[in-house]
């Protein structure tokens, strides 16, 4: 009678979630195989590679879990039931709330997990950078829609506004890691959104002949 083999002693979804939190907290390169195996219930190296093939493959899987859960705060950029301004403000406030929530690692995995990597791991940095570029593209589309709908004037520089809001969005991660409270970041968002009002304001032409 053929041997059926030893069943896995871990739940794969739980294992990937545990890996996600480690990558989120420590970054890809600083998270060791030992830490990953211990978080998965102390599985052997052989069991780890049988389940995930490589640390890189596990990171990719963990990143996808992050995008489909915590990372969904950016989805409002694509919500056409919202005005562009409301969509951008909602993303910023939801991101601030999520990234300062101490029930999980602070900040954003897509910003923090591969800030520094050895040269041989450039492909990890590039992989995460592509995900950030995707979100930046959603932001650009949102701002372009605002210009098309005349929520922003034709003179508005979309590329500059993308850089402005994206820099703030990514900067929330370091603010959260440095212990800046949600309330402070939320008030900063209120101040930031006033730039939209200035950008969209029509010139006063009264008295001009």
N, C-alpha and C. Protein backbone atom coordinates (compact mmCIF):
# COMPACT_ATOMS: atom_id res chain seq x y z
N UNK A 1 0.84 -1.20 0.00
CA UNK A 1 0.00 0.00 0.00
C UNK A 1 0.88 1.25 0.00
N UNK A 2 0.73 2.18 -0.94
CA UNK A 2 1.60 3.35 -1.00
C UNK A 2 1.40 4.27 0.19
N UNK A 3 2.50 4.91 0.60
CA UNK A 3 2.44 5.86 1.71
C UNK A 3 1.83 7.18 1.22
N UNK A 4 0.98 7.71 2.03
CA UNK A 4 0.32 8.96 1.64
C UNK A 4 1.13 10.18 2.03
N UNK A 5 2.15 9.99 2.84
CA UNK A 5 2.97 11.12 3.26
C UNK A 5 2.39 11.82 4.48
N UNK A 6 3.24 12.61 5.10
CA UNK A 6 2.82 13.30 6.32
C UNK A 6 2.02 14.55 5.96
N UNK A 7 0.85 14.74 6.52
CA UNK A 7 0.04 15.92 6.20
C UNK A 7 0.70 17.20 6.73
N UNK A 8 0.44 18.29 6.07
CA UNK A 8 0.98 19.56 6.53
C UNK A 8 0.42 19.92 7.90
N UNK A 9 1.29 20.49 8.73
CA UNK A 9 0.89 20.84 10.09
C UNK A 9 0.52 22.32 10.19
N UNK A 10 0.21 22.93 9.06
CA UNK A 10 -0.14 24.35 9.10
C UNK A 10 -1.22 24.65 8.07
N UNK A 11 -1.92 25.72 8.31
CA UNK A 11 -2.92 26.21 7.39
C UNK A 11 -2.24 27.21 6.45
N UNK A 12 -2.34 26.98 5.14
CA UNK A 12 -1.60 27.81 4.19
C UNK A 12 -2.00 29.28 4.27
N UNK A 13 -3.30 29.57 4.34
CA UNK A 13 -3.73 30.96 4.40
C UNK A 13 -3.18 31.65 5.65
N UNK A 14 -3.22 30.94 6.78
CA UNK A 14 -2.69 31.51 8.01
C UNK A 14 -1.18 31.71 7.91
N UNK A 15 -0.50 30.78 7.24
CA UNK A 15 0.95 30.87 7.08
C UNK A 15 1.32 32.09 6.24
N UNK A 16 0.60 32.31 5.15
CA UNK A 16 0.88 33.46 4.28
C UNK A 16 0.58 34.76 5.02
N UNK A 17 -0.49 34.79 5.81
CA UNK A 17 -0.82 35.98 6.60
C UNK A 17 0.28 36.28 7.61
N UNK A 18 0.80 35.22 8.25
CA UNK A 18 1.88 35.41 9.22
C UNK A 18 3.12 35.96 8.53
N UNK A 19 3.41 35.46 7.34
CA UNK A 19 4.56 35.95 6.58
C UNK A 19 4.35 37.40 6.19
N UNK A 20 3.14 37.75 5.80
CA UNK A 20 2.83 39.13 5.42
C UNK A 20 3.16 40.08 6.56
N UNK A 21 2.76 39.74 7.77
CA UNK A 21 3.02 40.62 8.90
C UNK A 21 4.52 40.75 9.18
N UNK A 22 5.27 39.67 8.99
CA UNK A 22 6.72 39.74 9.20
C UNK A 22 7.38 40.62 8.15
N UNK A 23 7.02 40.43 6.88
CA UNK A 23 7.57 41.26 5.82
C UNK A 23 7.20 42.73 6.03
N UNK A 24 5.99 42.95 6.48
CA UNK A 24 5.48 44.30 6.72
C UNK A 24 6.28 44.97 7.85
N UNK A 25 6.57 44.22 8.90
CA UNK A 25 7.25 44.77 10.07
C UNK A 25 8.75 44.93 9.84
N UNK A 26 9.39 43.92 9.24
CA UNK A 26 10.85 43.91 9.16
C UNK A 26 11.42 44.16 7.77
N UNK A 27 10.59 44.10 6.75
CA UNK A 27 11.09 44.22 5.38
C UNK A 27 11.46 42.86 4.82
N UNK A 28 11.57 42.79 3.50
CA UNK A 28 11.83 41.51 2.86
C UNK A 28 13.17 40.93 3.26
N UNK A 29 14.23 41.71 3.10
CA UNK A 29 15.57 41.16 3.30
C UNK A 29 15.85 40.82 4.76
N UNK A 30 15.34 41.62 5.69
CA UNK A 30 15.62 41.41 7.11
C UNK A 30 14.79 40.28 7.71
N UNK A 31 13.77 39.85 7.02
CA UNK A 31 12.96 38.73 7.51
C UNK A 31 13.65 37.43 7.12
N UNK A 32 14.05 36.67 8.12
CA UNK A 32 14.82 35.45 7.86
C UNK A 32 13.91 34.25 7.64
N UNK A 33 14.48 33.24 7.01
CA UNK A 33 13.74 31.99 6.80
C UNK A 33 13.36 31.38 8.15
N UNK A 34 14.24 31.51 9.14
CA UNK A 34 13.95 30.98 10.47
C UNK A 34 12.71 31.66 11.07
N UNK A 35 12.64 32.99 10.94
CA UNK A 35 11.47 33.72 11.45
C UNK A 35 10.19 33.26 10.75
N UNK A 36 10.28 33.09 9.44
CA UNK A 36 9.11 32.66 8.67
C UNK A 36 8.65 31.27 9.10
N UNK A 37 9.61 30.36 9.24
CA UNK A 37 9.25 28.98 9.62
C UNK A 37 8.66 28.94 11.02
N UNK A 38 9.22 29.74 11.94
CA UNK A 38 8.69 29.77 13.31
C UNK A 38 7.27 30.33 13.33
N UNK A 39 7.02 31.35 12.52
CA UNK A 39 5.68 31.95 12.47
C UNK A 39 4.66 30.98 11.89
N UNK A 40 5.15 30.00 11.14
CA UNK A 40 4.27 29.01 10.53
C UNK A 40 4.16 27.75 11.37
N UNK A 41 4.53 27.84 12.63
CA UNK A 41 4.40 26.71 13.53
C UNK A 41 5.64 25.86 13.65
N UNK A 42 6.78 26.41 13.27
CA UNK A 42 8.03 25.67 13.39
C UNK A 42 8.21 24.59 12.34
N UNK A 43 7.73 24.84 11.13
CA UNK A 43 7.87 23.84 10.07
C UNK A 43 9.33 23.73 9.64
N UNK A 44 9.68 22.63 9.03
CA UNK A 44 11.06 22.40 8.58
C UNK A 44 11.32 23.20 7.31
N UNK A 45 12.61 23.36 7.00
CA UNK A 45 12.99 24.05 5.77
C UNK A 45 12.44 23.30 4.55
N UNK A 46 12.47 21.97 4.61
CA UNK A 46 11.96 21.17 3.50
C UNK A 46 10.47 21.41 3.29
N UNK A 47 9.73 21.49 4.40
CA UNK A 47 8.29 21.74 4.29
C UNK A 47 8.02 23.14 3.76
N UNK A 48 8.86 24.09 4.17
CA UNK A 48 8.70 25.46 3.70
C UNK A 48 8.86 25.52 2.18
N UNK A 49 9.94 24.95 1.68
CA UNK A 49 10.20 25.01 0.24
C UNK A 49 9.19 24.18 -0.56
N UNK A 50 8.70 23.11 0.05
CA UNK A 50 7.68 22.31 -0.62
C UNK A 50 6.38 23.10 -0.78
N UNK A 51 6.10 23.94 0.21
CA UNK A 51 4.85 24.71 0.19
C UNK A 51 4.95 25.97 -0.65
N UNK A 52 6.12 26.64 -0.58
CA UNK A 52 6.22 27.98 -1.19
C UNK A 52 7.32 28.14 -2.24
N UNK A 53 8.15 27.15 -2.41
CA UNK A 53 9.23 27.14 -3.41
C UNK A 53 10.39 28.07 -3.05
N UNK A 54 10.09 29.30 -2.62
CA UNK A 54 11.17 30.24 -2.29
C UNK A 54 10.62 31.36 -1.43
N UNK A 55 11.54 32.08 -0.80
CA UNK A 55 11.15 33.24 0.00
C UNK A 55 10.54 34.31 -0.90
N UNK A 56 11.11 34.47 -2.09
CA UNK A 56 10.58 35.46 -3.04
C UNK A 56 9.15 35.14 -3.46
N UNK A 57 8.88 33.86 -3.72
CA UNK A 57 7.53 33.44 -4.11
C UNK A 57 6.54 33.67 -2.98
N UNK A 58 6.98 33.42 -1.75
CA UNK A 58 6.13 33.65 -0.59
C UNK A 58 5.85 35.14 -0.43
N UNK A 59 6.87 35.97 -0.65
CA UNK A 59 6.68 37.42 -0.54
C UNK A 59 5.65 37.91 -1.56
N UNK A 60 5.75 37.40 -2.77
CA UNK A 60 4.79 37.79 -3.81
C UNK A 60 3.37 37.41 -3.39
N UNK A 61 3.23 36.23 -2.83
CA UNK A 61 1.91 35.77 -2.38
C UNK A 61 1.41 36.62 -1.22
N UNK A 62 2.31 36.93 -0.29
CA UNK A 62 1.95 37.76 0.86
C UNK A 62 1.56 39.17 0.42
N UNK A 63 2.27 39.70 -0.58
CA UNK A 63 1.96 41.03 -1.09
C UNK A 63 0.56 41.05 -1.71
N UNK A 64 0.20 39.99 -2.40
CA UNK A 64 -1.13 39.92 -2.99
C UNK A 64 -2.22 39.88 -1.92
N UNK A 65 -1.94 39.18 -0.81
CA UNK A 65 -2.89 39.16 0.30
C UNK A 65 -3.03 40.56 0.88
N UNK A 66 -1.92 41.26 1.03
CA UNK A 66 -1.95 42.64 1.55
C UNK A 66 -2.79 43.53 0.64
N UNK A 67 -2.57 43.45 -0.66
CA UNK A 67 -3.30 44.30 -1.61
C UNK A 67 -4.80 44.04 -1.56
N UNK A 68 -5.19 42.78 -1.30
CA UNK A 68 -6.61 42.42 -1.31
C UNK A 68 -7.28 42.67 0.04
N UNK A 69 -6.49 43.11 1.03
CA UNK A 69 -7.05 43.37 2.37
C UNK A 69 -6.72 44.81 2.78
N UNK A 70 -5.64 44.98 3.48
CA UNK A 70 -5.26 46.31 3.99
C UNK A 70 -5.02 47.30 2.86
N UNK A 71 -4.47 46.83 1.76
CA UNK A 71 -4.15 47.72 0.65
C UNK A 71 -5.36 48.23 -0.11
N UNK A 72 -6.54 47.73 0.21
CA UNK A 72 -7.75 48.18 -0.50
C UNK A 72 -8.11 49.63 -0.18
N UNK A 73 -7.39 50.24 0.76
CA UNK A 73 -7.68 51.65 1.06
C UNK A 73 -7.46 52.53 -0.17
N UNK A 74 -6.66 52.05 -1.13
CA UNK A 74 -6.39 52.84 -2.34
C UNK A 74 -7.46 52.67 -3.42
N UNK A 75 -8.37 51.75 -3.22
CA UNK A 75 -9.36 51.45 -4.26
C UNK A 75 -10.30 52.62 -4.54
N UNK A 76 -10.42 53.53 -3.59
CA UNK A 76 -11.32 54.68 -3.80
C UNK A 76 -10.89 55.54 -4.98
N UNK A 77 -9.61 55.49 -5.34
CA UNK A 77 -9.15 56.23 -6.52
C UNK A 77 -9.96 55.84 -7.76
N UNK A 78 -10.43 54.59 -7.79
CA UNK A 78 -11.12 54.07 -8.97
C UNK A 78 -12.64 54.07 -8.80
N UNK A 79 -13.12 54.63 -7.71
CA UNK A 79 -14.55 54.64 -7.43
C UNK A 79 -15.19 55.85 -8.11
N UNK A 80 -15.85 55.63 -9.23
CA UNK A 80 -16.43 56.73 -10.00
C UNK A 80 -17.75 57.22 -9.43
N UNK A 81 -18.21 56.60 -8.36
CA UNK A 81 -19.39 57.14 -7.68
C UNK A 81 -19.01 58.33 -6.81
N UNK A 82 -17.70 58.51 -6.62
CA UNK A 82 -17.19 59.64 -5.84
C UNK A 82 -16.63 60.70 -6.78
N UNK A 83 -16.70 61.95 -6.38
CA UNK A 83 -16.00 62.98 -7.14
C UNK A 83 -14.50 62.73 -6.97
N UNK A 84 -13.67 63.17 -7.91
CA UNK A 84 -12.23 62.97 -7.76
C UNK A 84 -11.68 63.50 -6.43
N UNK A 85 -12.14 64.67 -6.04
CA UNK A 85 -11.66 65.24 -4.77
C UNK A 85 -12.04 64.34 -3.60
N UNK A 86 -13.30 63.89 -3.58
CA UNK A 86 -13.75 63.02 -2.50
C UNK A 86 -12.99 61.70 -2.50
N UNK A 87 -12.70 61.18 -3.69
CA UNK A 87 -11.97 59.91 -3.79
C UNK A 87 -10.56 60.04 -3.22
N UNK A 88 -9.87 61.12 -3.58
CA UNK A 88 -8.51 61.32 -3.10
C UNK A 88 -8.49 61.54 -1.59
N UNK A 89 -9.41 62.34 -1.11
CA UNK A 89 -9.47 62.58 0.34
C UNK A 89 -9.78 61.30 1.09
N UNK A 90 -10.69 60.48 0.54
CA UNK A 90 -11.04 59.23 1.19
C UNK A 90 -9.85 58.28 1.26
N UNK A 91 -9.08 58.20 0.17
CA UNK A 91 -7.89 57.34 0.18
C UNK A 91 -6.92 57.80 1.26
N UNK A 92 -6.65 59.09 1.32
CA UNK A 92 -5.69 59.61 2.28
C UNK A 92 -6.14 59.34 3.72
N UNK A 93 -7.40 59.58 4.01
CA UNK A 93 -7.88 59.39 5.38
C UNK A 93 -7.94 57.90 5.75
N UNK A 94 -8.35 57.08 4.81
CA UNK A 94 -8.37 55.63 5.10
C UNK A 94 -6.96 55.09 5.26
N UNK A 95 -6.04 55.58 4.44
CA UNK A 95 -4.65 55.14 4.56
C UNK A 95 -4.07 55.55 5.91
N UNK A 96 -4.36 56.77 6.33
CA UNK A 96 -3.86 57.24 7.63
C UNK A 96 -4.42 56.40 8.77
N UNK A 97 -5.71 56.11 8.69
CA UNK A 97 -6.35 55.30 9.73
C UNK A 97 -5.74 53.89 9.77
N UNK A 98 -5.61 53.26 8.60
CA UNK A 98 -5.07 51.90 8.55
C UNK A 98 -3.62 51.86 9.01
N UNK A 99 -2.80 52.80 8.53
CA UNK A 99 -1.37 52.73 8.79
C UNK A 99 -0.98 53.10 10.22
N UNK A 100 -1.88 53.75 10.96
CA UNK A 100 -1.61 54.07 12.36
C UNK A 100 -2.30 53.11 13.32
N UNK A 101 -2.97 52.10 12.77
CA UNK A 101 -3.67 51.11 13.58
C UNK A 101 -2.64 50.12 14.16
N UNK A 102 -2.54 50.07 15.47
CA UNK A 102 -1.51 49.25 16.11
C UNK A 102 -1.91 47.77 16.25
N UNK A 103 -3.02 47.38 15.65
CA UNK A 103 -3.37 45.96 15.68
C UNK A 103 -2.55 45.17 14.66
N UNK A 104 -1.76 45.87 13.86
CA UNK A 104 -0.87 45.25 12.88
C UNK A 104 0.34 46.17 12.71
N UNK A 105 1.37 45.78 11.94
CA UNK A 105 2.52 46.66 11.75
C UNK A 105 2.11 48.03 11.21
N UNK A 106 2.82 49.05 11.63
CA UNK A 106 2.50 50.41 11.21
C UNK A 106 3.03 50.67 9.80
N UNK A 107 2.43 51.67 9.15
CA UNK A 107 2.87 52.04 7.82
C UNK A 107 2.26 51.16 6.74
N UNK A 108 2.86 51.23 5.54
CA UNK A 108 2.38 50.50 4.37
C UNK A 108 3.42 49.49 3.91
N UNK A 109 3.00 48.27 3.72
CA UNK A 109 3.92 47.22 3.27
C UNK A 109 4.56 47.57 1.93
N UNK A 110 3.79 48.17 1.03
CA UNK A 110 4.31 48.47 -0.31
C UNK A 110 5.35 49.58 -0.28
N UNK A 111 5.36 50.36 0.78
CA UNK A 111 6.35 51.43 0.92
C UNK A 111 7.57 50.96 1.70
N UNK A 112 7.34 50.16 2.75
CA UNK A 112 8.40 49.86 3.70
C UNK A 112 9.13 48.53 3.50
N UNK A 113 8.52 47.59 2.81
CA UNK A 113 9.06 46.23 2.81
C UNK A 113 10.32 46.05 1.97
N UNK A 114 10.59 46.97 1.06
CA UNK A 114 11.78 46.81 0.20
C UNK A 114 12.44 48.16 -0.06
N UNK A 115 12.52 48.99 0.98
CA UNK A 115 13.16 50.29 0.83
C UNK A 115 14.64 50.11 0.51
N UNK A 116 15.29 49.21 1.24
CA UNK A 116 16.70 48.91 1.02
C UNK A 116 16.87 47.42 0.79
N UNK A 117 17.55 47.07 -0.29
CA UNK A 117 17.83 45.67 -0.59
C UNK A 117 19.23 45.57 -1.17
N UNK A 118 19.84 44.41 -1.01
CA UNK A 118 21.12 44.15 -1.64
C UNK A 118 20.96 44.18 -3.15
N UNK A 119 22.04 44.47 -3.90
CA UNK A 119 21.94 44.54 -5.36
C UNK A 119 21.31 43.31 -6.00
N UNK A 120 21.59 42.15 -5.42
CA UNK A 120 21.04 40.93 -6.01
C UNK A 120 19.53 40.80 -5.79
N UNK A 121 18.99 41.68 -4.98
CA UNK A 121 17.54 41.65 -4.72
C UNK A 121 16.83 42.85 -5.33
N UNK A 122 17.45 43.46 -6.33
CA UNK A 122 16.82 44.60 -7.00
C UNK A 122 15.46 44.24 -7.58
N UNK A 123 15.32 42.97 -7.97
CA UNK A 123 14.04 42.56 -8.56
C UNK A 123 12.90 42.65 -7.54
N UNK A 124 13.21 42.52 -6.25
CA UNK A 124 12.20 42.67 -5.21
C UNK A 124 11.79 44.14 -5.11
N UNK A 125 12.79 45.03 -5.12
CA UNK A 125 12.48 46.46 -5.10
C UNK A 125 11.64 46.85 -6.30
N UNK A 126 12.01 46.33 -7.47
CA UNK A 126 11.28 46.66 -8.70
C UNK A 126 9.86 46.14 -8.65
N UNK A 127 9.66 44.97 -8.07
CA UNK A 127 8.33 44.38 -7.97
C UNK A 127 7.42 45.26 -7.12
N UNK A 128 7.94 45.72 -5.98
CA UNK A 128 7.14 46.56 -5.10
C UNK A 128 6.93 47.93 -5.72
N UNK A 129 7.97 48.45 -6.39
CA UNK A 129 7.86 49.75 -7.05
C UNK A 129 6.76 49.73 -8.12
N UNK A 130 6.62 48.62 -8.82
CA UNK A 130 5.57 48.51 -9.83
C UNK A 130 4.18 48.60 -9.20
N UNK A 131 4.05 48.04 -8.01
CA UNK A 131 2.76 48.13 -7.32
C UNK A 131 2.46 49.57 -6.91
N UNK A 132 3.49 50.27 -6.45
CA UNK A 132 3.29 51.69 -6.10
C UNK A 132 2.97 52.50 -7.35
N UNK A 133 3.62 52.14 -8.47
CA UNK A 133 3.36 52.83 -9.72
C UNK A 133 1.91 52.62 -10.17
N UNK A 134 1.39 51.44 -9.91
CA UNK A 134 0.00 51.14 -10.25
C UNK A 134 -0.95 52.06 -9.49
N UNK A 135 -0.70 52.23 -8.20
CA UNK A 135 -1.53 53.12 -7.38
C UNK A 135 -1.38 54.56 -7.86
N UNK A 136 -0.15 54.93 -8.21
CA UNK A 136 0.10 56.28 -8.72
C UNK A 136 -0.68 56.51 -10.02
N UNK A 137 -0.80 55.49 -10.82
CA UNK A 137 -1.58 55.58 -12.05
C UNK A 137 -3.05 55.81 -11.78
N UNK A 138 -3.57 55.14 -10.74
CA UNK A 138 -4.98 55.36 -10.36
C UNK A 138 -5.18 56.80 -9.92
N UNK A 139 -4.23 57.33 -9.17
CA UNK A 139 -4.30 58.71 -8.72
C UNK A 139 -4.28 59.67 -9.91
N UNK A 140 -3.41 59.40 -10.86
CA UNK A 140 -3.32 60.25 -12.06
C UNK A 140 -4.64 60.23 -12.83
N UNK A 141 -5.22 59.05 -12.99
CA UNK A 141 -6.51 58.94 -13.68
C UNK A 141 -7.59 59.73 -12.95
N UNK A 142 -7.54 59.70 -11.63
CA UNK A 142 -8.52 60.41 -10.83
C UNK A 142 -8.39 61.92 -11.04
N UNK A 143 -7.16 62.40 -11.05
CA UNK A 143 -6.93 63.83 -11.26
C UNK A 143 -7.26 64.25 -12.70
N UNK A 144 -6.96 63.37 -13.64
CA UNK A 144 -7.30 63.68 -15.04
C UNK A 144 -8.81 63.77 -15.21
N UNK A 145 -9.54 62.92 -14.51
CA UNK A 145 -11.00 62.97 -14.57
C UNK A 145 -11.51 64.30 -14.00
N UNK A 146 -10.83 64.78 -12.95
CA UNK A 146 -11.22 66.06 -12.37
C UNK A 146 -11.03 67.18 -13.37
N UNK A 147 -9.95 67.13 -14.15
CA UNK A 147 -9.71 68.15 -15.16
C UNK A 147 -10.75 68.06 -16.28
N UNK A 148 -11.08 66.84 -16.68
CA UNK A 148 -12.07 66.64 -17.74
C UNK A 148 -13.45 67.12 -17.30
N UNK A 149 -13.76 66.92 -16.03
CA UNK A 149 -15.06 67.34 -15.50
C UNK A 149 -15.06 68.79 -15.05
N UNK A 150 -13.95 69.46 -15.29
CA UNK A 150 -13.78 70.88 -14.94
C UNK A 150 -13.86 71.14 -13.44
N UNK A 151 -13.53 70.10 -12.64
CA UNK A 151 -13.36 70.32 -11.21
C UNK A 151 -12.02 71.01 -10.95
N UNK A 152 -11.11 70.83 -11.89
CA UNK A 152 -9.83 71.53 -11.88
C UNK A 152 -9.74 72.34 -13.16
N UNK A 153 -9.09 73.48 -13.13
CA UNK A 153 -8.99 74.32 -14.33
C UNK A 153 -8.05 73.70 -15.37
N UNK A 154 -8.16 74.09 -16.64
CA UNK A 154 -7.30 73.56 -17.69
C UNK A 154 -5.82 73.83 -17.42
N UNK A 155 -5.54 74.85 -16.63
CA UNK A 155 -4.14 75.20 -16.34
C UNK A 155 -3.53 74.33 -15.24
N UNK A 156 -4.33 73.51 -14.58
CA UNK A 156 -3.82 72.68 -13.49
C UNK A 156 -2.77 71.71 -14.02
N UNK A 157 -1.64 71.63 -13.34
CA UNK A 157 -0.55 70.73 -13.74
C UNK A 157 -0.79 69.38 -13.06
N UNK A 158 -1.32 68.44 -13.82
CA UNK A 158 -1.68 67.13 -13.27
C UNK A 158 -0.46 66.40 -12.70
N UNK A 159 0.67 66.47 -13.40
CA UNK A 159 1.87 65.76 -12.94
C UNK A 159 2.34 66.28 -11.58
N UNK A 160 2.23 67.59 -11.39
CA UNK A 160 2.63 68.18 -10.11
C UNK A 160 1.67 67.74 -9.01
N UNK A 161 0.38 67.74 -9.32
CA UNK A 161 -0.60 67.32 -8.31
C UNK A 161 -0.46 65.84 -7.97
N UNK A 162 -0.13 65.02 -8.97
CA UNK A 162 0.15 63.60 -8.70
C UNK A 162 1.31 63.48 -7.73
N UNK A 163 2.39 64.20 -8.00
CA UNK A 163 3.56 64.15 -7.13
C UNK A 163 3.22 64.63 -5.72
N UNK A 164 2.40 65.67 -5.64
CA UNK A 164 2.02 66.22 -4.33
C UNK A 164 1.25 65.20 -3.50
N UNK A 165 0.17 64.68 -4.05
CA UNK A 165 -0.67 63.76 -3.27
C UNK A 165 0.01 62.41 -3.05
N UNK A 166 0.78 61.95 -4.04
CA UNK A 166 1.46 60.67 -3.88
C UNK A 166 2.58 60.76 -2.85
N UNK A 167 3.29 61.88 -2.84
CA UNK A 167 4.33 62.07 -1.83
C UNK A 167 3.73 62.05 -0.43
N UNK A 168 2.59 62.71 -0.26
CA UNK A 168 1.92 62.70 1.04
C UNK A 168 1.47 61.29 1.40
N UNK A 169 0.85 60.60 0.44
CA UNK A 169 0.34 59.25 0.69
C UNK A 169 1.46 58.31 1.13
N UNK A 170 2.58 58.33 0.42
CA UNK A 170 3.68 57.45 0.79
C UNK A 170 4.35 57.89 2.08
N UNK A 171 4.34 59.21 2.33
CA UNK A 171 4.96 59.71 3.55
C UNK A 171 4.24 59.35 4.82
N UNK A 172 2.97 58.94 4.71
CA UNK A 172 2.22 58.52 5.89
C UNK A 172 2.94 57.37 6.58
N UNK A 173 3.60 56.51 5.81
CA UNK A 173 4.28 55.35 6.39
C UNK A 173 5.34 55.74 7.41
N UNK A 174 6.20 56.69 7.06
CA UNK A 174 7.25 57.09 8.00
C UNK A 174 6.66 57.85 9.18
N UNK A 175 5.62 58.64 8.93
CA UNK A 175 4.96 59.32 10.03
C UNK A 175 4.38 58.31 11.02
N UNK A 176 3.73 57.29 10.50
CA UNK A 176 3.15 56.26 11.36
C UNK A 176 4.23 55.52 12.14
N UNK A 177 5.32 55.14 11.47
CA UNK A 177 6.40 54.43 12.15
C UNK A 177 7.06 55.30 13.21
N UNK A 178 7.05 56.61 13.02
CA UNK A 178 7.65 57.52 14.01
C UNK A 178 6.70 57.86 15.13
N UNK A 179 5.50 57.27 15.11
CA UNK A 179 4.57 57.46 16.21
C UNK A 179 3.68 58.68 16.13
N UNK A 180 3.63 59.32 14.95
CA UNK A 180 2.73 60.45 14.79
C UNK A 180 1.30 59.92 14.84
N UNK A 181 0.46 60.46 15.71
CA UNK A 181 -0.91 59.91 15.87
C UNK A 181 -1.79 60.19 14.66
N UNK A 182 -2.80 59.36 14.53
CA UNK A 182 -3.75 59.50 13.43
C UNK A 182 -4.36 60.89 13.38
N UNK A 183 -4.71 61.44 14.55
CA UNK A 183 -5.39 62.72 14.59
C UNK A 183 -4.55 63.83 13.96
N UNK A 184 -3.25 63.77 14.17
CA UNK A 184 -2.36 64.78 13.59
C UNK A 184 -2.28 64.63 12.08
N UNK A 185 -2.14 63.39 11.61
CA UNK A 185 -2.08 63.15 10.16
C UNK A 185 -3.41 63.52 9.52
N UNK A 186 -4.51 63.21 10.19
CA UNK A 186 -5.83 63.52 9.65
C UNK A 186 -6.01 65.04 9.49
N UNK A 187 -5.52 65.80 10.45
CA UNK A 187 -5.61 67.26 10.35
C UNK A 187 -4.71 67.77 9.23
N UNK A 188 -3.55 67.12 9.05
CA UNK A 188 -2.66 67.49 7.94
C UNK A 188 -3.35 67.25 6.59
N UNK A 189 -4.16 66.19 6.52
CA UNK A 189 -4.91 65.91 5.29
C UNK A 189 -5.92 67.03 5.03
N UNK A 190 -6.56 67.50 6.08
CA UNK A 190 -7.49 68.62 5.93
C UNK A 190 -6.78 69.83 5.34
N UNK A 191 -5.58 70.11 5.84
CA UNK A 191 -4.80 71.23 5.32
C UNK A 191 -4.40 70.98 3.87
N UNK A 192 -4.00 69.75 3.57
CA UNK A 192 -3.57 69.41 2.21
C UNK A 192 -4.71 69.60 1.21
N UNK A 193 -5.91 69.19 1.58
CA UNK A 193 -7.03 69.28 0.65
C UNK A 193 -7.42 70.72 0.34
N UNK A 194 -6.97 71.65 1.15
CA UNK A 194 -7.23 73.06 0.85
C UNK A 194 -6.48 73.49 -0.42
N UNK A 195 -5.41 72.77 -0.73
CA UNK A 195 -4.67 73.05 -1.97
C UNK A 195 -5.58 72.79 -3.17
N UNK A 196 -6.43 71.77 -3.05
CA UNK A 196 -7.39 71.48 -4.13
C UNK A 196 -8.31 72.68 -4.33
N UNK A 197 -8.79 73.24 -3.23
CA UNK A 197 -9.70 74.37 -3.33
C UNK A 197 -9.02 75.56 -3.99
N UNK A 198 -7.74 75.77 -3.67
CA UNK A 198 -6.99 76.85 -4.29
C UNK A 198 -6.79 76.57 -5.78
N UNK A 199 -6.47 75.31 -6.10
CA UNK A 199 -6.21 74.94 -7.50
C UNK A 199 -7.46 75.04 -8.36
N UNK A 200 -8.61 74.77 -7.76
CA UNK A 200 -9.86 74.76 -8.52
C UNK A 200 -10.59 76.10 -8.53
N UNK A 201 -10.07 77.05 -7.75
CA UNK A 201 -10.75 78.34 -7.65
C UNK A 201 -10.68 79.09 -8.97
N UNK A 202 -11.81 79.63 -9.39
CA UNK A 202 -11.85 80.41 -10.61
C UNK A 202 -11.45 81.85 -10.28
N UNK A 203 -10.70 82.49 -11.18
CA UNK A 203 -10.27 83.86 -10.91
C UNK A 203 -11.46 84.81 -10.85
N UNK A 204 -11.37 85.78 -10.01
CA UNK A 204 -12.42 86.80 -9.90
C UNK A 204 -12.23 87.83 -11.01
N UNK A 205 -13.17 87.82 -11.95
CA UNK A 205 -13.02 88.71 -13.11
C UNK A 205 -13.92 89.94 -13.01
N UNK A 206 -14.49 90.15 -11.82
CA UNK A 206 -15.34 91.32 -11.68
C UNK A 206 -14.50 92.59 -11.81
N UNK A 207 -15.05 93.51 -12.52
CA UNK A 207 -14.34 94.78 -12.69
C UNK A 207 -13.37 94.77 -13.85
N UNK A 208 -13.18 93.58 -14.51
CA UNK A 208 -12.28 93.50 -15.65
C UNK A 208 -13.09 93.74 -16.92
N UNK A 209 -12.65 94.65 -17.74
CA UNK A 209 -13.40 94.99 -18.96
C UNK A 209 -12.52 94.70 -20.16
